[in-house]
Amino acid sequence: MAKQKLVDFYFYFVKRDKRGIRIIAKFLSTEQAATRITDENIKNLAIPTDILATINQKMYDSRMLWEPWVETSDTYENMKILFKKRGYTNIPISSQAEIFVSTYTLNNKLEKKRVMVQKGS
């Protein structure tokens, strides 16, 4: 079995009106398409408990204006291009996350969505 390539795994918030993005945390993980995070599927990310508690608090505090998402990308420049294609504005210049996470490798167990065609991937 071939070893899967590790890429940057971004946990970010998008504003519901598409006028802003906040990078919350950055990990290393296997590839993951853009997926909206819910209370049920956040458990499948296997994030360390101290970091998960901080993320859950941020999700709770900003639940009215922001939606949590996860996605992987080779570089942050590619990620910014994907954000622009989806119509988001006020994209952060730097990939600096609000929660400092060292090079922790995430054991990503999110279910892969089955779609016929996914634009921008």
PDB file of N, CA and C in Angstrom:
ATOM      1  N   MET A   1       0.843  -1.172   0.000  1.00  0.00           N
ATOM      2  CA  MET A   1       0.000   0.000   0.000  1.00  0.00           C
ATOM      3  C   MET A   1       0.890   1.238   0.000  1.00  0.00           C
ATOM      4  N   ALA A   2       0.599   2.154  -0.900  1.00  0.00           N
ATOM      5  CA  ALA A   2       1.393   3.373  -1.012  1.00  0.00           C
ATOM      6  C   ALA A   2       1.042   4.337   0.117  1.00  0.00           C
ATOM      7  N   LYS A   3       2.063   4.970   0.631  1.00  0.00           N
ATOM      8  CA  LYS A   3       1.853   5.945   1.696  1.00  0.00           C
ATOM      9  C   LYS A   3       1.247   7.214   1.107  1.00  0.00           C
ATOM     10  N   GLN A   4       0.186   7.721   1.746  1.00  0.00           N
ATOM     11  CA  GLN A   4      -0.477   8.914   1.245  1.00  0.00           C
ATOM     12  C   GLN A   4       0.319  10.156   1.607  1.00  0.00           C
ATOM     13  N   LYS A   5       0.328  11.100   0.691  1.00  0.00           N
ATOM     14  CA  LYS A   5       1.051  12.353   0.872  1.00  0.00           C
ATOM     15  C   LYS A   5       0.329  13.231   1.896  1.00  0.00           C
ATOM     16  N   LEU A   6       1.082  13.819   2.813  1.00  0.00           N
ATOM     17  CA  LEU A   6       0.520  14.733   3.798  1.00  0.00           C
ATOM     18  C   LEU A   6       0.525  16.156   3.244  1.00  0.00           C
ATOM     19  N   VAL A   7      -0.586  16.838   3.411  1.00  0.00           N
ATOM     20  CA  VAL A   7      -0.731  18.214   2.942  1.00  0.00           C
ATOM     21  C   VAL A   7      -1.249  19.071   4.091  1.00  0.00           C
ATOM     22  N   ASP A   8      -1.268  20.383   3.880  1.00  0.00           N
ATOM     23  CA  ASP A   8      -1.773  21.302   4.900  1.00  0.00           C
ATOM     24  C   ASP A   8      -3.289  21.153   5.033  1.00  0.00           C
ATOM     25  N   PHE A   9      -3.751  20.950   6.245  1.00  0.00           N
ATOM     26  CA  PHE A   9      -5.161  20.764   6.562  1.00  0.00           C
ATOM     27  C   PHE A   9      -5.616  22.007   7.305  1.00  0.00           C
ATOM     28  N   TYR A  10      -6.513  22.774   6.700  1.00  0.00           N
ATOM     29  CA  TYR A  10      -6.959  24.043   7.267  1.00  0.00           C
ATOM     30  C   TYR A  10      -8.331  23.885   7.912  1.00  0.00           C
ATOM     31  N   PHE A  11      -8.442  24.327   9.150  1.00  0.00           N
ATOM     32  CA  PHE A  11      -9.729  24.455   9.835  1.00  0.00           C
ATOM     33  C   PHE A  11     -10.013  25.945   9.823  1.00  0.00           C
ATOM     34  N   TYR A  12     -11.070  26.368   9.128  1.00  0.00           N
ATOM     35  CA  TYR A  12     -11.320  27.794   8.965  1.00  0.00           C
ATOM     36  C   TYR A  12     -12.801  28.115   9.124  1.00  0.00           C
ATOM     37  N   PHE A  13     -13.078  29.385   9.377  1.00  0.00           N
ATOM     38  CA  PHE A  13     -14.441  29.896   9.447  1.00  0.00           C
ATOM     39  C   PHE A  13     -14.673  30.775   8.230  1.00  0.00           C
ATOM     40  N   VAL A  14     -15.847  30.649   7.623  1.00  0.00           N
ATOM     41  CA  VAL A  14     -16.249  31.551   6.543  1.00  0.00           C
ATOM     42  C   VAL A  14     -17.479  32.312   7.010  1.00  0.00           C
ATOM     43  N   LYS A  15     -17.529  33.570   6.660  1.00  0.00           N
ATOM     44  CA  LYS A  15     -18.673  34.382   7.025  1.00  0.00           C
ATOM     45  C   LYS A  15     -19.857  33.950   6.157  1.00  0.00           C
ATOM     46  N   ARG A  16     -21.021  33.916   6.736  1.00  0.00           N
ATOM     47  CA  ARG A  16     -22.202  33.415   6.031  1.00  0.00           C
ATOM     48  C   ARG A  16     -22.535  34.241   4.794  1.00  0.00           C
ATOM     49  N   ASP A  17     -22.153  35.523   4.758  1.00  0.00           N
ATOM     50  CA  ASP A  17     -22.409  36.354   3.586  1.00  0.00           C
ATOM     51  C   ASP A  17     -21.211  36.382   2.627  1.00  0.00           C
ATOM     52  N   LYS A  18     -20.234  35.511   2.834  1.00  0.00           N
ATOM     53  CA  LYS A  18     -19.034  35.364   1.994  1.00  0.00           C
ATOM     54  C   LYS A  18     -18.129  36.595   2.012  1.00  0.00           C
ATOM     55  N   ARG A  19     -18.192  37.379   3.080  1.00  0.00           N
ATOM     56  CA  ARG A  19     -17.374  38.587   3.161  1.00  0.00           C
ATOM     57  C   ARG A  19     -16.250  38.455   4.179  1.00  0.00           C
ATOM     58  N   GLY A  20     -15.738  37.270   4.374  1.00  0.00           N
ATOM     59  CA  GLY A  20     -14.627  37.125   5.294  1.00  0.00           C
ATOM     60  C   GLY A  20     -14.290  35.676   5.565  1.00  0.00           C
ATOM     61  N   ILE A  21     -13.010  35.439   5.870  1.00  0.00           N
ATOM     62  CA  ILE A  21     -12.498  34.113   6.199  1.00  0.00           C
ATOM     63  C   ILE A  21     -11.536  34.270   7.366  1.00  0.00           C
ATOM     64  N   ARG A  22     -11.590  33.330   8.307  1.00  0.00           N
ATOM     65  CA  ARG A  22     -10.652  33.284   9.439  1.00  0.00           C
ATOM     66  C   ARG A  22     -10.020  31.899   9.461  1.00  0.00           C
ATOM     67  N   ILE A  23      -8.688  31.850   9.433  1.00  0.00           N
ATOM     68  CA  ILE A  23      -7.977  30.584   9.565  1.00  0.00           C
ATOM     69  C   ILE A  23      -7.862  30.303  11.060  1.00  0.00           C
ATOM     70  N   ILE A  24      -8.479  29.218  11.518  1.00  0.00           N
ATOM     71  CA  ILE A  24      -8.506  28.903  12.942  1.00  0.00           C
ATOM     72  C   ILE A  24      -7.327  28.023  13.334  1.00  0.00           C
ATOM     73  N   ALA A  25      -7.100  26.946  12.596  1.00  0.00           N
ATOM     74  CA  ALA A  25      -6.000  26.037  12.922  1.00  0.00           C
ATOM     75  C   ALA A  25      -5.477  25.401  11.637  1.00  0.00           C
ATOM     76  N   LYS A  26      -4.234  24.976  11.694  1.00  0.00           N
ATOM     77  CA  LYS A  26      -3.591  24.353  10.533  1.00  0.00           C
ATOM     78  C   LYS A  26      -2.851  23.113  11.025  1.00  0.00           C
ATOM     79  N   PHE A  27      -3.126  21.987  10.380  1.00  0.00           N
ATOM     80  CA  PHE A  27      -2.499  20.714  10.734  1.00  0.00           C
ATOM     81  C   PHE A  27      -1.889  20.101   9.481  1.00  0.00           C
ATOM     82  N   LEU A  28      -1.316  18.925   9.617  1.00  0.00           N
ATOM     83  CA  LEU A  28      -0.925  18.092   8.482  1.00  0.00           C
ATOM     84  C   LEU A  28      -1.885  16.917   8.435  1.00  0.00           C
ATOM     85  N   SER A  29      -2.316  16.535   7.235  1.00  0.00           N
ATOM     86  CA  SER A  29      -3.249  15.418   7.103  1.00  0.00           C
ATOM     87  C   SER A  29      -3.276  14.943   5.664  1.00  0.00           C
ATOM     88  N   THR A  30      -4.026  13.866   5.439  1.00  0.00           N
ATOM     89  CA  THR A  30      -4.254  13.392   4.076  1.00  0.00           C
ATOM     90  C   THR A  30      -5.275  14.306   3.415  1.00  0.00           C
ATOM     91  N   GLU A  31      -5.435  14.174   2.114  1.00  0.00           N
ATOM     92  CA  GLU A  31      -6.289  15.089   1.370  1.00  0.00           C
ATOM     93  C   GLU A  31      -7.740  15.015   1.821  1.00  0.00           C
ATOM     94  N   GLN A  32      -8.380  16.197   1.847  1.00  0.00           N
ATOM     95  CA  GLN A  32      -9.773  16.323   2.246  1.00  0.00           C
ATOM     96  C   GLN A  32     -10.410  17.428   1.422  1.00  0.00           C
ATOM     97  N   ALA A  33     -11.534  17.121   0.791  1.00  0.00           N
ATOM     98  CA  ALA A  33     -12.280  18.144   0.057  1.00  0.00           C
ATOM     99  C   ALA A  33     -12.936  19.086   1.055  1.00  0.00           C
ATOM    100  N   ALA A  34     -13.376  20.226   0.581  1.00  0.00           N
ATOM    101  CA  ALA A  34     -14.036  21.198   1.458  1.00  0.00           C
ATOM    102  C   ALA A  34     -15.272  20.563   2.079  1.00  0.00           C
ATOM    103  N   THR A  35     -15.316  20.583   3.419  1.00  0.00           N
ATOM    104  CA  THR A  35     -16.406  19.961   4.155  1.00  0.00           C
ATOM    105  C   THR A  35     -16.844  20.880   5.281  1.00  0.00           C
ATOM    106  N   ARG A  36     -18.159  21.085   5.376  1.00  0.00           N
ATOM    107  CA  ARG A  36     -18.688  21.885   6.483  1.00  0.00           C
ATOM    108  C   ARG A  36     -18.654  21.047   7.748  1.00  0.00           C
ATOM    109  N   ILE A  37     -18.209  21.644   8.840  1.00  0.00           N
ATOM    110  CA  ILE A  37     -18.083  20.936  10.113  1.00  0.00           C
ATOM    111  C   ILE A  37     -19.347  21.140  10.942  1.00  0.00           C
ATOM    112  N   THR A  38     -19.823  20.051  11.493  1.00  0.00           N
ATOM    113  CA  THR A  38     -20.976  20.083  12.389  1.00  0.00           C
ATOM    114  C   THR A  38     -20.548  19.510  13.735  1.00  0.00           C
ATOM    115  N   ASP A  39     -21.431  19.589  14.709  1.00  0.00           N
ATOM    116  CA  ASP A  39     -21.127  19.028  16.025  1.00  0.00           C
ATOM    117  C   ASP A  39     -20.911  17.520  15.956  1.00  0.00           C
ATOM    118  N   GLU A  40     -21.562  16.855  15.002  1.00  0.00           N
ATOM    119  CA  GLU A  40     -21.442  15.410  14.882  1.00  0.00           C
ATOM    120  C   GLU A  40     -20.123  14.984  14.236  1.00  0.00           C
ATOM    121  N   ASN A  41     -19.726  15.660  13.152  1.00  0.00           N
ATOM    122  CA  ASN A  41     -18.538  15.185  12.437  1.00  0.00           C
ATOM    123  C   ASN A  41     -17.218  15.757  12.942  1.00  0.00           C
ATOM    124  N   ILE A  42     -17.244  16.693  13.881  1.00  0.00           N
ATOM    125  CA  ILE A  42     -15.977  17.216  14.401  1.00  0.00           C
ATOM    126  C   ILE A  42     -15.245  16.141  15.209  1.00  0.00           C
ATOM    127  N   LYS A  43     -15.978  15.185  15.744  1.00  0.00           N
ATOM    128  CA  LYS A  43     -15.371  14.101  16.517  1.00  0.00           C
ATOM    129  C   LYS A  43     -14.506  13.200  15.636  1.00  0.00           C
ATOM    130  N   ASN A  44     -14.806  13.149  14.340  1.00  0.00           N
ATOM    131  CA  ASN A  44     -14.065  12.293  13.412  1.00  0.00           C
ATOM    132  C   ASN A  44     -12.711  12.865  13.013  1.00  0.00           C
ATOM    133  N   LEU A  45     -12.394  14.065  13.458  1.00  0.00           N
ATOM    134  CA  LEU A  45     -11.111  14.677  13.107  1.00  0.00           C
ATOM    135  C   LEU A  45      -9.972  14.237  14.011  1.00  0.00           C
ATOM    136  N   ALA A  46     -10.268  13.713  15.178  1.00  0.00           N
ATOM    137  CA  ALA A  46      -9.253  13.249  16.143  1.00  0.00           C
ATOM    138  C   ALA A  46      -8.265  14.369  16.490  1.00  0.00           C
ATOM    139  N   ILE A  47      -8.803  15.553  16.769  1.00  0.00           N
ATOM    140  CA  ILE A  47      -7.991  16.694  17.196  1.00  0.00           C
ATOM    141  C   ILE A  47      -7.684  16.518  18.676  1.00  0.00           C
ATOM    142  N   PRO A  48      -6.472  16.850  19.140  1.00  0.00           N
ATOM    143  CA  PRO A  48      -6.161  16.754  20.572  1.00  0.00           C
ATOM    144  C   PRO A  48      -7.186  17.527  21.405  1.00  0.00           C
ATOM    145  N   THR A  49      -7.489  17.013  22.586  1.00  0.00           N
ATOM    146  CA  THR A  49      -8.587  17.546  23.389  1.00  0.00           C
ATOM    147  C   THR A  49      -8.422  19.009  23.784  1.00  0.00           C
ATOM    148  N   ASP A  50      -7.197  19.448  24.083  1.00  0.00           N
ATOM    149  CA  ASP A  50      -7.016  20.848  24.465  1.00  0.00           C
ATOM    150  C   ASP A  50      -7.278  21.788  23.293  1.00  0.00           C
ATOM    151  N   ILE A  51      -6.841  21.401  22.101  1.00  0.00           N
ATOM    152  CA  ILE A  51      -7.081  22.217  20.908  1.00  0.00           C
ATOM    153  C   ILE A  51      -8.557  22.150  20.521  1.00  0.00           C
ATOM    154  N   LEU A  52      -9.156  20.966  20.656  1.00  0.00           N
ATOM    155  CA  LEU A  52     -10.573  20.797  20.326  1.00  0.00           C
ATOM    156  C   LEU A  52     -11.453  21.661  21.236  1.00  0.00           C
ATOM    157  N   ALA A  53     -11.106  21.762  22.499  1.00  0.00           N
ATOM    158  CA  ALA A  53     -11.879  22.602  23.417  1.00  0.00           C
ATOM    159  C   ALA A  53     -11.826  24.066  22.989  1.00  0.00           C
ATOM    160  N   THR A  54     -10.670  24.527  22.572  1.00  0.00           N
ATOM    161  CA  THR A  54     -10.527  25.912  22.104  1.00  0.00           C
ATOM    162  C   THR A  54     -11.323  26.132  20.823  1.00  0.00           C
ATOM    163  N   ILE A  55     -11.249  25.173  19.895  1.00  0.00           N
ATOM    164  CA  ILE A  55     -11.998  25.283  18.637  1.00  0.00           C
ATOM    165  C   ILE A  55     -13.498  25.273  18.914  1.00  0.00           C
ATOM    166  N   ASN A  56     -13.949  24.382  19.793  1.00  0.00           N
ATOM    167  CA  ASN A  56     -15.378  24.333  20.124  1.00  0.00           C
ATOM    168  C   ASN A  56     -15.856  25.645  20.727  1.00  0.00           C
ATOM    169  N   GLN A  57     -15.037  26.263  21.561  1.00  0.00           N
ATOM    170  CA  GLN A  57     -15.413  27.548  22.153  1.00  0.00           C
ATOM    171  C   GLN A  57     -15.518  28.626  21.081  1.00  0.00           C
ATOM    172  N   LYS A  58     -14.559  28.642  20.143  1.00  0.00           N
ATOM    173  CA  LYS A  58     -14.615  29.612  19.046  1.00  0.00           C
ATOM    174  C   LYS A  58     -15.840  29.372  18.167  1.00  0.00           C
ATOM    175  N   MET A  59     -16.168  28.099  17.922  1.00  0.00           N
ATOM    176  CA  MET A  59     -17.358  27.776  17.122  1.00  0.00           C
ATOM    177  C   MET A  59     -18.623  28.280  17.833  1.00  0.00           C
ATOM    178  N   TYR A  60     -18.684  28.077  19.127  1.00  0.00           N
ATOM    179  CA  TYR A  60     -19.855  28.501  19.892  1.00  0.00           C
ATOM    180  C   TYR A  60     -19.977  30.023  19.904  1.00  0.00           C
ATOM    181  N   ASP A  61     -18.864  30.714  20.115  1.00  0.00           N
ATOM    182  CA  ASP A  61     -18.882  32.172  20.199  1.00  0.00           C
ATOM    183  C   ASP A  61     -19.260  32.830  18.877  1.00  0.00           C
ATOM    184  N   SER A  62     -18.926  32.200  17.760  1.00  0.00           N
ATOM    185  CA  SER A  62     -19.147  32.837  16.460  1.00  0.00           C
ATOM    186  C   SER A  62     -20.196  32.109  15.620  1.00  0.00           C
ATOM    187  N   ARG A  63     -21.082  31.381  16.239  1.00  0.00           N
ATOM    188  CA  ARG A  63     -22.032  30.536  15.512  1.00  0.00           C
ATOM    189  C   ARG A  63     -23.062  31.313  14.696  1.00  0.00           C
ATOM    190  N   MET A  64     -23.318  32.556  15.025  1.00  0.00           N
ATOM    191  CA  MET A  64     -24.342  33.316  14.301  1.00  0.00           C
ATOM    192  C   MET A  64     -23.840  33.883  12.972  1.00  0.00           C
ATOM    193  N   LEU A  65     -22.578  34.233  12.900  1.00  0.00           N
ATOM    194  CA  LEU A  65     -22.055  34.874  11.687  1.00  0.00           C
ATOM    195  C   LEU A  65     -21.103  34.001  10.875  1.00  0.00           C
ATOM    196  N   TRP A  66     -20.514  32.985  11.490  1.00  0.00           N
ATOM    197  CA  TRP A  66     -19.466  32.208  10.835  1.00  0.00           C
ATOM    198  C   TRP A  66     -19.832  30.731  10.772  1.00  0.00           C
ATOM    199  N   GLU A  67     -19.375  30.053   9.693  1.00  0.00           N
ATOM    200  CA  GLU A  67     -19.559  28.610   9.539  1.00  0.00           C
ATOM    201  C   GLU A  67     -18.186  27.946   9.546  1.00  0.00           C
ATOM    202  N   PRO A  68     -18.023  26.851  10.287  1.00  0.00           N
ATOM    203  CA  PRO A  68     -16.733  26.141  10.293  1.00  0.00           C
ATOM    204  C   PRO A  68     -16.611  25.176   9.107  1.00  0.00           C
ATOM    205  N   TRP A  69     -15.459  25.185   8.475  1.00  0.00           N
ATOM    206  CA  TRP A  69     -15.153  24.309   7.348  1.00  0.00           C
ATOM    207  C   TRP A  69     -13.749  23.752   7.512  1.00  0.00           C
ATOM    208  N   VAL A  70     -13.463  22.659   6.829  1.00  0.00           N
ATOM    209  CA  VAL A  70     -12.108  22.107   6.737  1.00  0.00           C
ATOM    210  C   VAL A  70     -11.821  21.798   5.276  1.00  0.00           C
ATOM    211  N   GLU A  71     -10.529  21.841   4.949  1.00  0.00           N
ATOM    212  CA  GLU A  71     -10.096  21.566   3.578  1.00  0.00           C
ATOM    213  C   GLU A  71      -8.585  21.437   3.563  1.00  0.00           C
ATOM    214  N   THR A  72      -8.062  20.717   2.596  1.00  0.00           N
ATOM    215  CA  THR A  72      -6.614  20.604   2.450  1.00  0.00           C
ATOM    216  C   THR A  72      -6.158  21.282   1.166  1.00  0.00           C
ATOM    217  N   SER A  73      -4.895  21.654   1.174  1.00  0.00           N
ATOM    218  CA  SER A  73      -4.287  22.268   0.001  1.00  0.00           C
ATOM    219  C   SER A  73      -2.776  22.108   0.090  1.00  0.00           C
ATOM    220  N   ASP A  74      -2.127  22.045  -1.070  1.00  0.00           N
ATOM    221  CA  ASP A  74      -0.664  21.954  -1.094  1.00  0.00           C
ATOM    222  C   ASP A  74      -0.021  23.227  -0.559  1.00  0.00           C
ATOM    223  N   THR A  75      -0.549  24.367  -1.000  1.00  0.00           N
ATOM    224  CA  THR A  75      -0.020  25.652  -0.552  1.00  0.00           C
ATOM    225  C   THR A  75      -1.174  26.586  -0.204  1.00  0.00           C
ATOM    226  N   TYR A  76      -0.870  27.601   0.569  1.00  0.00           N
ATOM    227  CA  TYR A  76      -1.901  28.569   0.931  1.00  0.00           C
ATOM    228  C   TYR A  76      -2.309  29.406  -0.281  1.00  0.00           C
ATOM    229  N   GLU A  77      -1.406  29.608  -1.216  1.00  0.00           N
ATOM    230  CA  GLU A  77      -1.737  30.352  -2.437  1.00  0.00           C
ATOM    231  C   GLU A  77      -2.832  29.631  -3.219  1.00  0.00           C
ATOM    232  N   ASN A  78      -2.749  28.300  -3.310  1.00  0.00           N
ATOM    233  CA  ASN A  78      -3.799  27.527  -3.979  1.00  0.00           C
ATOM    234  C   ASN A  78      -5.122  27.644  -3.229  1.00  0.00           C
ATOM    235  N   MET A  79      -5.028  27.688  -1.915  1.00  0.00           N
ATOM    236  CA  MET A  79      -6.230  27.814  -1.088  1.00  0.00           C
ATOM    237  C   MET A  79      -6.905  29.161  -1.346  1.00  0.00           C
ATOM    238  N   LYS A  80      -6.116  30.231  -1.442  1.00  0.00           N
ATOM    239  CA  LYS A  80      -6.678  31.552  -1.717  1.00  0.00           C
ATOM    240  C   LYS A  80      -7.367  31.589  -3.078  1.00  0.00           C
ATOM    241  N   ILE A  81      -6.797  30.904  -4.056  1.00  0.00           N
ATOM    242  CA  ILE A  81      -7.412  30.837  -5.384  1.00  0.00           C
ATOM    243  C   ILE A  81      -8.771  30.140  -5.308  1.00  0.00           C
ATOM    244  N   LEU A  82      -8.850  29.044  -4.539  1.00  0.00           N
ATOM    245  CA  LEU A  82     -10.129  28.343  -4.372  1.00  0.00           C
ATOM    246  C   LEU A  82     -11.165  29.222  -3.678  1.00  0.00           C
ATOM    247  N   PHE A  83     -10.726  29.982  -2.662  1.00  0.00           N
ATOM    248  CA  PHE A  83     -11.643  30.892  -1.978  1.00  0.00           C
ATOM    249  C   PHE A  83     -12.200  31.933  -2.950  1.00  0.00           C
ATOM    250  N   LYS A  84     -11.328  32.505  -3.785  1.00  0.00           N
ATOM    251  CA  LYS A  84     -11.763  33.520  -4.743  1.00  0.00           C
ATOM    252  C   LYS A  84     -12.743  32.939  -5.754  1.00  0.00           C
ATOM    253  N   LYS A  85     -12.501  31.701  -6.212  1.00  0.00           N
ATOM    254  CA  LYS A  85     -13.410  31.053  -7.164  1.00  0.00           C
ATOM    255  C   LYS A  85     -14.791  30.842  -6.565  1.00  0.00           C
ATOM    256  N   ARG A  86     -14.846  30.622  -5.258  1.00  0.00           N
ATOM    257  CA  ARG A  86     -16.130  30.410  -4.578  1.00  0.00           C
ATOM    258  C   ARG A  86     -16.821  31.718  -4.221  1.00  0.00           C
ATOM    259  N   GLY A  87     -16.169  32.846  -4.485  1.00  0.00           N
ATOM    260  CA  GLY A  87     -16.802  34.141  -4.268  1.00  0.00           C
ATOM    261  C   GLY A  87     -16.530  34.789  -2.931  1.00  0.00           C
ATOM    262  N   TYR A  88     -15.556  34.313  -2.179  1.00  0.00           N
ATOM    263  CA  TYR A  88     -15.244  34.904  -0.880  1.00  0.00           C
ATOM    264  C   TYR A  88     -14.364  36.133  -1.048  1.00  0.00           C
ATOM    265  N   THR A  89     -14.562  37.107  -0.154  1.00  0.00           N
ATOM    266  CA  THR A  89     -13.728  38.305  -0.129  1.00  0.00           C
ATOM    267  C   THR A  89     -13.081  38.401   1.244  1.00  0.00           C
ATOM    268  N   ASN A  90     -12.207  39.373   1.423  1.00  0.00           N
ATOM    269  CA  ASN A  90     -11.470  39.583   2.676  1.00  0.00           C
ATOM    270  C   ASN A  90     -10.732  38.318   3.106  1.00  0.00           C
ATOM    271  N   ILE A  91      -9.996  37.742   2.182  1.00  0.00           N
ATOM    272  CA  ILE A  91      -9.217  36.533   2.444  1.00  0.00           C
ATOM    273  C   ILE A  91      -7.916  36.946   3.134  1.00  0.00           C
ATOM    274  N   PRO A  92      -7.550  36.279   4.227  1.00  0.00           N
ATOM    275  CA  PRO A  92      -6.309  36.644   4.914  1.00  0.00           C
ATOM    276  C   PRO A  92      -5.088  36.521   3.993  1.00  0.00           C
ATOM    277  N   ILE A  93      -4.166  37.456   4.142  1.00  0.00           N
ATOM    278  CA  ILE A  93      -2.951  37.445   3.327  1.00  0.00           C
ATOM    279  C   ILE A  93      -2.047  36.290   3.732  1.00  0.00           C
ATOM    280  N   SER A  94      -1.973  36.031   5.023  1.00  0.00           N
ATOM    281  CA  SER A  94      -1.093  35.003   5.562  1.00  0.00           C
ATOM    282  C   SER A  94      -1.902  33.793   6.007  1.00  0.00           C
ATOM    283  N   SER A  95      -1.257  32.636   6.042  1.00  0.00           N
ATOM    284  CA  SER A  95      -1.919  31.424   6.505  1.00  0.00           C
ATOM    285  C   SER A  95      -1.770  31.249   8.012  1.00  0.00           C
ATOM    286  N   GLN A  96      -1.323  32.291   8.702  1.00  0.00           N
ATOM    287  CA  GLN A  96      -1.148  32.231  10.151  1.00  0.00           C
ATOM    288  C   GLN A  96      -2.482  31.933  10.824  1.00  0.00           C
ATOM    289  N   ALA A  97      -2.539  30.861  11.601  1.00  0.00           N
ATOM    290  CA  ALA A  97      -3.775  30.449  12.254  1.00  0.00           C
ATOM    291  C   ALA A  97      -3.956  31.175  13.586  1.00  0.00           C
ATOM    292  N   GLU A  98      -5.223  31.290  14.010  1.00  0.00           N
ATOM    293  CA  GLU A  98      -5.517  31.925  15.293  1.00  0.00           C
ATOM    294  C   GLU A  98      -5.037  31.066  16.456  1.00  0.00           C
ATOM    295  N   ILE A  99      -5.110  29.751  16.293  1.00  0.00           N
ATOM    296  CA  ILE A  99      -4.620  28.823  17.311  1.00  0.00           C
ATOM    297  C   ILE A  99      -3.304  28.257  16.795  1.00  0.00           C
ATOM    298  N   PHE A 100      -2.235  28.468  17.545  1.00  0.00           N
ATOM    299  CA  PHE A 100      -0.937  27.955  17.098  1.00  0.00           C
ATOM    300  C   PHE A 100      -0.899  26.444  17.294  1.00  0.00           C
ATOM    301  N   VAL A 101      -0.690  25.732  16.209  1.00  0.00           N
ATOM    302  CA  VAL A 101      -0.548  24.279  16.251  1.00  0.00           C
ATOM    303  C   VAL A 101       0.742  23.946  15.516  1.00  0.00           C
ATOM    304  N   SER A 102       1.615  23.249  16.189  1.00  0.00           N
ATOM    305  CA  SER A 102       2.858  22.874  15.528  1.00  0.00           C
ATOM    306  C   SER A 102       2.540  21.848  14.443  1.00  0.00           C
ATOM    307  N   THR A 103       3.489  21.173  13.954  1.00  0.00           N
ATOM    308  CA  THR A 103       3.287  20.239  12.849  1.00  0.00           C
ATOM    309  C   THR A 103       2.650  18.948  13.354  1.00  0.00           C
ATOM    310  N   TYR A 104       1.472  19.063  13.925  1.00  0.00           N
ATOM    311  CA  TYR A 104       0.724  17.906  14.409  1.00  0.00           C
ATOM    312  C   TYR A 104       0.054  17.219  13.222  1.00  0.00           C
ATOM    313  N   THR A 105       0.254  15.916  13.089  1.00  0.00           N
ATOM    314  CA  THR A 105      -0.368  15.156  12.014  1.00  0.00           C
ATOM    315  C   THR A 105      -1.733  14.677  12.484  1.00  0.00           C
ATOM    316  N   LEU A 106      -2.746  15.106  11.771  1.00  0.00           N
ATOM    317  CA  LEU A 106      -4.123  14.820  12.120  1.00  0.00           C
ATOM    318  C   LEU A 106      -4.556  13.493  11.517  1.00  0.00           C
ATOM    319  N   ASN A 107      -5.227  12.672  12.305  1.00  0.00           N
ATOM    320  CA  ASN A 107      -5.771  11.408  11.817  1.00  0.00           C
ATOM    321  C   ASN A 107      -7.187  11.689  11.330  1.00  0.00           C
ATOM    322  N   ASN A 108      -7.315  12.072  10.076  1.00  0.00           N
ATOM    323  CA  ASN A 108      -8.573  12.508   9.488  1.00  0.00           C
ATOM    324  C   ASN A 108      -9.464  11.304   9.179  1.00  0.00           C
ATOM    325  N   LYS A 109     -10.632  11.246   9.839  1.00  0.00           N
ATOM    326  CA  LYS A 109     -11.576  10.152   9.602  1.00  0.00           C
ATOM    327  C   LYS A 109     -12.920  10.675   9.095  1.00  0.00           C
ATOM    328  N   LEU A 110     -12.918  11.851   8.496  1.00  0.00           N
ATOM    329  CA  LEU A 110     -14.162  12.378   7.941  1.00  0.00           C
ATOM    330  C   LEU A 110     -14.567  11.547   6.739  1.00  0.00           C
ATOM    331  N   GLU A 111     -15.867  11.354   6.588  1.00  0.00           N
ATOM    332  CA  GLU A 111     -16.361  10.614   5.440  1.00  0.00           C
ATOM    333  C   GLU A 111     -16.168  11.442   4.180  1.00  0.00           C
ATOM    334  N   LYS A 112     -15.766  10.772   3.122  1.00  0.00           N
ATOM    335  CA  LYS A 112     -15.616  11.448   1.838  1.00  0.00           C
ATOM    336  C   LYS A 112     -16.995  11.590   1.206  1.00  0.00           C
ATOM    337  N   LYS A 113     -17.335  12.812   0.787  1.00  0.00           N
ATOM    338  CA  LYS A 113     -18.605  13.036   0.134  1.00  0.00           C
ATOM    339  C   LYS A 113     -18.532  12.497  -1.280  1.00  0.00           C
ATOM    340  N   ARG A 114     -19.584  11.827  -1.678  1.00  0.00           N
ATOM    341  CA  ARG A 114     -19.642  11.312  -3.037  1.00  0.00           C
ATOM    342  C   ARG A 114     -20.466  12.282  -3.871  1.00  0.00           C
ATOM    343  N   VAL A 115     -19.819  12.859  -4.865  1.00  0.00           N
ATOM    344  CA  VAL A 115     -20.471  13.778  -5.770  1.00  0.00           C
ATOM    345  C   VAL A 115     -20.072  13.416  -7.190  1.00  0.00           C
ATOM    346  N   MET A 116     -20.950  13.721  -8.120  1.00  0.00           N
ATOM    347  CA  MET A 116     -20.626  13.422  -9.505  1.00  0.00           C
ATOM    348  C   MET A 116     -19.586  14.398 -10.039  1.00  0.00           C
ATOM    349  N   VAL A 117     -19.804  15.673  -9.780  1.00  0.00           N
ATOM    350  CA  VAL A 117     -18.888  16.702 -10.251  1.00  0.00           C
ATOM    351  C   VAL A 117     -18.701  17.698  -9.113  1.00  0.00           C
ATOM    352  N   GLN A 118     -17.459  18.041  -8.849  1.00  0.00           N
ATOM    353  CA  GLN A 118     -17.191  19.037  -7.833  1.00  0.00           C
ATOM    354  C   GLN A 118     -16.360  20.132  -8.479  1.00  0.00           C
ATOM    355  N   LYS A 119     -16.926  21.305  -8.567  1.00  0.00           N
ATOM    356  CA  LYS A 119     -16.234  22.421  -9.207  1.00  0.00           C
ATOM    357  C   LYS A 119     -15.051  22.874  -8.373  1.00  0.00           C
ATOM    358  N   GLY A 120     -13.979  23.275  -9.034  1.00  0.00           N
ATOM    359  CA  GLY A 120     -12.840  23.871  -8.355  1.00  0.00           C
ATOM    360  C   GLY A 120     -11.933  22.888  -7.661  1.00  0.00           C
ATOM    361  N   SER A 121     -12.057  21.609  -7.924  1.00  0.00           N
ATOM    362  CA  SER A 121     -11.173  20.640  -7.272  1.00  0.00           C
ATOM    363  C   SER A 121     -10.352  19.911  -8.296  1.00  0.00           C
TER     364      SER A 121
END
